[in-house]
Amino acid sequence: MGMIAAGNGRRIAATSACPPTARALRFEHLVRINDPADPRVPPLGRDRLWRGLVLRAEQPLAFVPWLDECSIVRDGSDLVRTLRFGQRIVRDRVRFHAPVAVVYALAEEADGSSFLLRMQIDQPTLDGLFVRFTYECRSPDHREGDPHADAIREAYRLADIDTVRRIRQLAASGRLER
């Protein structure tokens, strides 16, 4: 536990550990890939979408502008990644469930934090293509009931829309062709 300054100059106690009783922040959303009603959006096929999701795991620097450095080691079909965001080091494992889902998991950390992201291709109709992003996060900043939970959900939703935008850019440039 540390002390931080409150806005009124008083010091208050703060902890960086996740309370053991904190409920994980769980949420999901869909991002539409193709919209047959909008001719301005060129259709993206399932194969190229899958290659884009794989590329996001294999080359995160092309997708996450605030990521400073990344090293990747293959462990069978999984990727074990070490990501550096400023002074913060994050280690995760990425599993591929081809050609449907990519799952990112951070093992529970000493402070009780954990993170799971599943990106799954959903195709309910022939021309309906979506990515379902499912999150389960538990940390001092990511827990159900936190006053900032809605803002956190919205930030992830916007980041996921940006992921799809980047996949579209890579597809248009030919980088997702076999």
C-alpha atoms as a PDB file:
ATOM      1  CA  MET A   1       0.000   0.000   0.000  1.00  0.00           C
ATOM      2  CA  GLY A   2       1.262   3.466  -0.838  1.00  0.00           C
ATOM      3  CA  MET A   3       0.214   7.025  -0.237  1.00  0.00           C
ATOM      4  CA  ILE A   4      -0.956   9.364  -2.978  1.00  0.00           C
ATOM      5  CA  ALA A   5      -1.913  13.021  -2.851  1.00  0.00           C
ATOM      6  CA  ALA A   6      -5.609  13.819  -3.088  1.00  0.00           C
ATOM      7  CA  GLY A   7      -6.743  16.929  -4.958  1.00  0.00           C
ATOM      8  CA  ASN A   8      -7.151  18.821  -1.678  1.00  0.00           C
ATOM      9  CA  GLY A   9      -3.520  18.271  -0.662  1.00  0.00           C
ATOM     10  CA  ARG A  10      -4.324  15.482   1.813  1.00  0.00           C
ATOM     11  CA  ARG A  11      -2.715  12.084   1.380  1.00  0.00           C
ATOM     12  CA  ILE A  12      -4.824   8.970   1.000  1.00  0.00           C
ATOM     13  CA  ALA A  13      -3.942   5.288   1.092  1.00  0.00           C
ATOM     14  CA  ALA A  14      -3.900   3.471  -2.245  1.00  0.00           C
ATOM     15  CA  THR A  15      -3.233  -0.104  -3.180  1.00  0.00           C
ATOM     16  CA  SER A  16      -2.115  -1.553  -6.475  1.00  0.00           C
ATOM     17  CA  ALA A  17      -3.318  -5.048  -5.642  1.00  0.00           C
ATOM     18  CA  CYS A  18      -6.595  -6.365  -6.938  1.00  0.00           C
ATOM     19  CA  PRO A  19      -8.963  -7.046  -4.031  1.00  0.00           C
ATOM     20  CA  PRO A  20      -9.498 -10.816  -3.769  1.00  0.00           C
ATOM     21  CA  THR A  21     -13.273 -10.348  -3.782  1.00  0.00           C
ATOM     22  CA  ALA A  22     -13.308  -8.148  -6.906  1.00  0.00           C
ATOM     23  CA  ARG A  23     -15.469  -9.552  -9.691  1.00  0.00           C
ATOM     24  CA  ALA A  24     -13.893  -9.725 -13.117  1.00  0.00           C
ATOM     25  CA  LEU A  25     -15.034  -7.207 -15.684  1.00  0.00           C
ATOM     26  CA  ARG A  26     -16.667  -9.332 -18.398  1.00  0.00           C
ATOM     27  CA  PHE A  27     -18.055  -7.944 -21.621  1.00  0.00           C
ATOM     28  CA  GLU A  28     -18.295  -8.566 -25.338  1.00  0.00           C
ATOM     29  CA  HIS A  29     -19.215  -6.751 -28.486  1.00  0.00           C
ATOM     30  CA  LEU A  30     -19.477  -7.424 -32.215  1.00  0.00           C
ATOM     31  CA  VAL A  31     -17.703  -5.482 -34.933  1.00  0.00           C
ATOM     32  CA  ARG A  32     -19.347  -5.810 -38.350  1.00  0.00           C
ATOM     33  CA  ILE A  33     -16.897  -6.635 -41.104  1.00  0.00           C
ATOM     34  CA  ASN A  34     -19.096  -6.485 -44.200  1.00  0.00           C
ATOM     35  CA  ASP A  35     -22.169  -4.376 -44.747  1.00  0.00           C
ATOM     36  CA  PRO A  36     -23.968  -5.338 -47.963  1.00  0.00           C
ATOM     37  CA  ALA A  37     -26.105  -2.198 -47.645  1.00  0.00           C
ATOM     38  CA  ASP A  38     -23.033   0.083 -47.781  1.00  0.00           C
ATOM     39  CA  PRO A  39     -21.227  -0.086 -51.141  1.00  0.00           C
ATOM     40  CA  ARG A  40     -18.456   2.210 -49.811  1.00  0.00           C
ATOM     41  CA  VAL A  41     -17.137  -0.648 -47.661  1.00  0.00           C
ATOM     42  CA  PRO A  42     -15.318  -3.203 -49.815  1.00  0.00           C
ATOM     43  CA  PRO A  43     -16.153  -6.737 -48.689  1.00  0.00           C
ATOM     44  CA  LEU A  44     -13.497  -8.627 -46.773  1.00  0.00           C
ATOM     45  CA  GLY A  45     -13.476 -12.418 -47.061  1.00  0.00           C
ATOM     46  CA  ARG A  46     -13.309 -14.765 -44.107  1.00  0.00           C
ATOM     47  CA  ASP A  47      -9.828 -16.046 -45.091  1.00  0.00           C
ATOM     48  CA  ARG A  48      -8.299 -12.581 -45.228  1.00  0.00           C
ATOM     49  CA  LEU A  49     -10.036 -11.629 -41.972  1.00  0.00           C
ATOM     50  CA  TRP A  50      -8.530 -14.720 -40.320  1.00  0.00           C
ATOM     51  CA  ARG A  51      -5.058 -13.855 -41.655  1.00  0.00           C
ATOM     52  CA  GLY A  52      -5.511 -10.328 -40.271  1.00  0.00           C
ATOM     53  CA  LEU A  53      -6.383 -11.636 -36.801  1.00  0.00           C
ATOM     54  CA  VAL A  54      -3.326 -13.924 -36.901  1.00  0.00           C
ATOM     55  CA  LEU A  55      -1.124 -11.047 -38.049  1.00  0.00           C
ATOM     56  CA  ARG A  56      -2.366  -8.947 -35.118  1.00  0.00           C
ATOM     57  CA  ALA A  57      -0.948 -11.590 -32.765  1.00  0.00           C
ATOM     58  CA  GLU A  58       2.269 -12.154 -34.721  1.00  0.00           C
ATOM     59  CA  GLN A  59       3.042  -8.488 -35.444  1.00  0.00           C
ATOM     60  CA  PRO A  60       1.427  -6.423 -32.664  1.00  0.00           C
ATOM     61  CA  LEU A  61       3.583  -3.377 -33.395  1.00  0.00           C
ATOM     62  CA  ALA A  62       1.603  -2.949 -36.648  1.00  0.00           C
ATOM     63  CA  PHE A  63      -1.650  -2.750 -34.645  1.00  0.00           C
ATOM     64  CA  VAL A  64      -0.889  -1.174 -31.261  1.00  0.00           C
ATOM     65  CA  PRO A  65       0.692   2.276 -31.641  1.00  0.00           C
ATOM     66  CA  TRP A  66       1.471   2.646 -27.918  1.00  0.00           C
ATOM     67  CA  LEU A  67       3.423  -0.646 -27.834  1.00  0.00           C
ATOM     68  CA  ASP A  68       7.154   0.077 -27.612  1.00  0.00           C
ATOM     69  CA  GLU A  69       8.656  -3.375 -28.086  1.00  0.00           C
ATOM     70  CA  CYS A  70       7.637  -6.995 -28.556  1.00  0.00           C
ATOM     71  CA  SER A  71       9.466 -10.318 -28.543  1.00  0.00           C
ATOM     72  CA  ILE A  72       7.781 -13.561 -29.533  1.00  0.00           C
ATOM     73  CA  VAL A  73       8.685 -17.196 -28.938  1.00  0.00           C
ATOM     74  CA  ARG A  74       6.745 -20.092 -30.456  1.00  0.00           C
ATOM     75  CA  ASP A  75       5.627 -22.803 -28.041  1.00  0.00           C
ATOM     76  CA  GLY A  76       4.091 -25.465 -30.262  1.00  0.00           C
ATOM     77  CA  SER A  77       1.276 -23.695 -32.081  1.00  0.00           C
ATOM     78  CA  ASP A  78       1.048 -20.975 -29.383  1.00  0.00           C
ATOM     79  CA  LEU A  79       2.877 -17.681 -29.229  1.00  0.00           C
ATOM     80  CA  VAL A  80       4.436 -16.548 -25.960  1.00  0.00           C
ATOM     81  CA  ARG A  81       4.903 -12.808 -26.162  1.00  0.00           C
ATOM     82  CA  THR A  82       6.702 -10.236 -24.049  1.00  0.00           C
ATOM     83  CA  LEU A  83       5.305  -6.760 -24.660  1.00  0.00           C
ATOM     84  CA  ARG A  84       6.762  -3.501 -23.382  1.00  0.00           C
ATOM     85  CA  PHE A  85       4.545  -0.465 -22.886  1.00  0.00           C
ATOM     86  CA  GLY A  86       6.879   2.202 -21.493  1.00  0.00           C
ATOM     87  CA  GLN A  87       8.118   0.753 -18.194  1.00  0.00           C
ATOM     88  CA  ARG A  88       5.345  -1.877 -18.031  1.00  0.00           C
ATOM     89  CA  ILE A  89       6.220  -5.405 -19.205  1.00  0.00           C
ATOM     90  CA  VAL A  90       3.348  -7.757 -20.066  1.00  0.00           C
ATOM     91  CA  ARG A  91       3.677 -11.446 -20.886  1.00  0.00           C
ATOM     92  CA  ASP A  92       0.895 -13.270 -22.635  1.00  0.00           C
ATOM     93  CA  ARG A  93       0.140 -16.500 -24.465  1.00  0.00           C
ATOM     94  CA  VAL A  94      -1.751 -16.481 -27.743  1.00  0.00           C
ATOM     95  CA  ARG A  95      -3.642 -19.573 -28.893  1.00  0.00           C
ATOM     96  CA  PHE A  96      -5.023 -20.040 -32.381  1.00  0.00           C
ATOM     97  CA  HIS A  97      -8.219 -21.981 -32.982  1.00  0.00           C
ATOM     98  CA  ALA A  98      -7.985 -21.889 -36.778  1.00  0.00           C
ATOM     99  CA  PRO A  99      -9.805 -20.549 -38.624  1.00  0.00           C
ATOM    100  CA  VAL A 100     -12.270 -19.290 -36.020  1.00  0.00           C
ATOM    101  CA  ALA A 101     -10.704 -17.666 -32.955  1.00  0.00           C
ATOM    102  CA  VAL A 102      -7.563 -16.170 -31.466  1.00  0.00           C
ATOM    103  CA  VAL A 103      -7.312 -16.199 -27.662  1.00  0.00           C
ATOM    104  CA  TYR A 104      -4.959 -13.942 -25.688  1.00  0.00           C
ATOM    105  CA  ALA A 105      -4.325 -14.808 -22.036  1.00  0.00           C
ATOM    106  CA  LEU A 106      -2.209 -13.244 -19.327  1.00  0.00           C
ATOM    107  CA  ALA A 107      -1.554 -15.582 -16.456  1.00  0.00           C
ATOM    108  CA  GLU A 108      -2.716 -14.322 -13.102  1.00  0.00           C
ATOM    109  CA  GLU A 109      -0.108 -11.918 -11.795  1.00  0.00           C
ATOM    110  CA  ALA A 110       1.140 -11.493  -8.242  1.00  0.00           C
ATOM    111  CA  ASP A 111      -1.379  -8.699  -7.621  1.00  0.00           C
ATOM    112  CA  GLY A 112      -4.287 -10.965  -8.623  1.00  0.00           C
ATOM    113  CA  SER A 113      -4.703  -9.421 -12.076  1.00  0.00           C
ATOM    114  CA  SER A 114      -5.697 -11.567 -15.041  1.00  0.00           C
ATOM    115  CA  PHE A 115      -6.806 -10.896 -18.606  1.00  0.00           C
ATOM    116  CA  LEU A 116      -8.451 -12.952 -21.325  1.00  0.00           C
ATOM    117  CA  LEU A 117      -9.428 -11.754 -24.798  1.00  0.00           C
ATOM    118  CA  ARG A 118     -11.118 -13.940 -27.395  1.00  0.00           C
ATOM    119  CA  MET A 119     -11.476 -12.684 -30.974  1.00  0.00           C
ATOM    120  CA  GLN A 120     -13.903 -14.974 -32.767  1.00  0.00           C
ATOM    121  CA  ILE A 121     -15.142 -14.805 -36.339  1.00  0.00           C
ATOM    122  CA  ASP A 122     -18.936 -15.067 -36.459  1.00  0.00           C
ATOM    123  CA  GLN A 123     -20.773 -15.570 -39.731  1.00  0.00           C
ATOM    124  CA  PRO A 124     -24.503 -15.923 -39.003  1.00  0.00           C
ATOM    125  CA  THR A 125     -25.436 -15.544 -42.687  1.00  0.00           C
ATOM    126  CA  LEU A 126     -23.581 -15.920 -45.972  1.00  0.00           C
ATOM    127  CA  ASP A 127     -22.949 -12.177 -46.279  1.00  0.00           C
ATOM    128  CA  GLY A 128     -22.904 -11.389 -42.544  1.00  0.00           C
ATOM    129  CA  LEU A 129     -19.354 -11.416 -41.185  1.00  0.00           C
ATOM    130  CA  PHE A 130     -18.447 -10.155 -37.703  1.00  0.00           C
ATOM    131  CA  VAL A 131     -15.695 -10.412 -35.123  1.00  0.00           C
ATOM    132  CA  ARG A 132     -16.920 -11.065 -31.596  1.00  0.00           C
ATOM    133  CA  PHE A 133     -14.536  -9.619 -29.008  1.00  0.00           C
ATOM    134  CA  THR A 134     -14.992 -11.184 -25.567  1.00  0.00           C
ATOM    135  CA  TYR A 135     -13.097  -9.866 -22.548  1.00  0.00           C
ATOM    136  CA  GLU A 136     -12.599 -11.079 -19.009  1.00  0.00           C
ATOM    137  CA  CYS A 137     -10.350  -8.728 -17.054  1.00  0.00           C
ATOM    138  CA  ARG A 138      -9.505  -8.566 -13.373  1.00  0.00           C
ATOM    139  CA  SER A 139      -7.126  -5.947 -12.020  1.00  0.00           C
ATOM    140  CA  PRO A 140      -7.168  -2.921  -9.737  1.00  0.00           C
ATOM    141  CA  ASP A 141      -8.496  -0.937 -12.734  1.00  0.00           C
ATOM    142  CA  HIS A 142     -10.653  -3.635 -14.367  1.00  0.00           C
ATOM    143  CA  ARG A 143     -13.421  -4.969 -12.160  1.00  0.00           C
ATOM    144  CA  GLU A 144     -17.170  -5.110 -12.274  1.00  0.00           C
ATOM    145  CA  GLY A 145     -18.812  -2.294 -10.377  1.00  0.00           C
ATOM    146  CA  ASP A 146     -15.870   0.081 -10.802  1.00  0.00           C
ATOM    147  CA  PRO A 147     -17.088   3.602 -11.632  1.00  0.00           C
ATOM    148  CA  HIS A 148     -14.876   3.571 -14.745  1.00  0.00           C
ATOM    149  CA  ALA A 149     -16.079   0.185 -16.081  1.00  0.00           C
ATOM    150  CA  ASP A 150     -18.208   1.730 -18.853  1.00  0.00           C
ATOM    151  CA  ALA A 151     -15.307   3.908 -20.015  1.00  0.00           C
ATOM    152  CA  ILE A 152     -13.025   0.849 -20.049  1.00  0.00           C
ATOM    153  CA  ARG A 153     -15.553  -1.111 -22.126  1.00  0.00           C
ATOM    154  CA  GLU A 154     -15.840   1.759 -24.590  1.00  0.00           C
ATOM    155  CA  ALA A 155     -12.047   2.123 -24.876  1.00  0.00           C
ATOM    156  CA  TYR A 156     -11.708  -1.569 -25.754  1.00  0.00           C
ATOM    157  CA  ARG A 157     -14.592  -1.332 -28.252  1.00  0.00           C
ATOM    158  CA  LEU A 158     -12.909   1.582 -30.022  1.00  0.00           C
ATOM    159  CA  ALA A 159      -9.552  -0.248 -30.037  1.00  0.00           C
ATOM    160  CA  ASP A 160     -11.275  -3.270 -31.602  1.00  0.00           C
ATOM    161  CA  ILE A 161     -12.871  -1.125 -34.297  1.00  0.00           C
ATOM    162  CA  ASP A 162      -9.371   0.198 -34.978  1.00  0.00           C
ATOM    163  CA  THR A 163      -8.082  -3.397 -35.233  1.00  0.00           C
ATOM    164  CA  VAL A 164     -10.644  -4.100 -37.960  1.00  0.00           C
ATOM    165  CA  ARG A 165      -9.744  -0.825 -39.690  1.00  0.00           C
ATOM    166  CA  ARG A 166      -6.077  -1.871 -39.685  1.00  0.00           C
ATOM    167  CA  ILE A 167      -6.936  -5.338 -41.041  1.00  0.00           C
ATOM    168  CA  ARG A 168      -8.830  -3.604 -43.875  1.00  0.00           C
ATOM    169  CA  GLN A 169      -5.774  -1.430 -44.628  1.00  0.00           C
ATOM    170  CA  LEU A 170      -3.524  -4.491 -44.735  1.00  0.00           C
ATOM    171  CA  ALA A 171      -5.991  -6.322 -46.981  1.00  0.00           C
ATOM    172  CA  ALA A 172      -6.149  -3.353 -49.369  1.00  0.00           C
ATOM    173  CA  SER A 173      -2.348  -3.284 -49.544  1.00  0.00           C
ATOM    174  CA  GLY A 174      -2.194  -6.984 -50.421  1.00  0.00           C
ATOM    175  CA  ARG A 175      -0.422  -8.063 -47.208  1.00  0.00           C
ATOM    176  CA  LEU A 176      -3.169 -10.575 -46.349  1.00  0.00           C
ATOM    177  CA  GLU A 177      -3.022 -12.470 -49.642  1.00  0.00           C
ATOM    178  CA  ARG A 178      -1.690 -16.021 -49.642  1.00  0.00           C
END
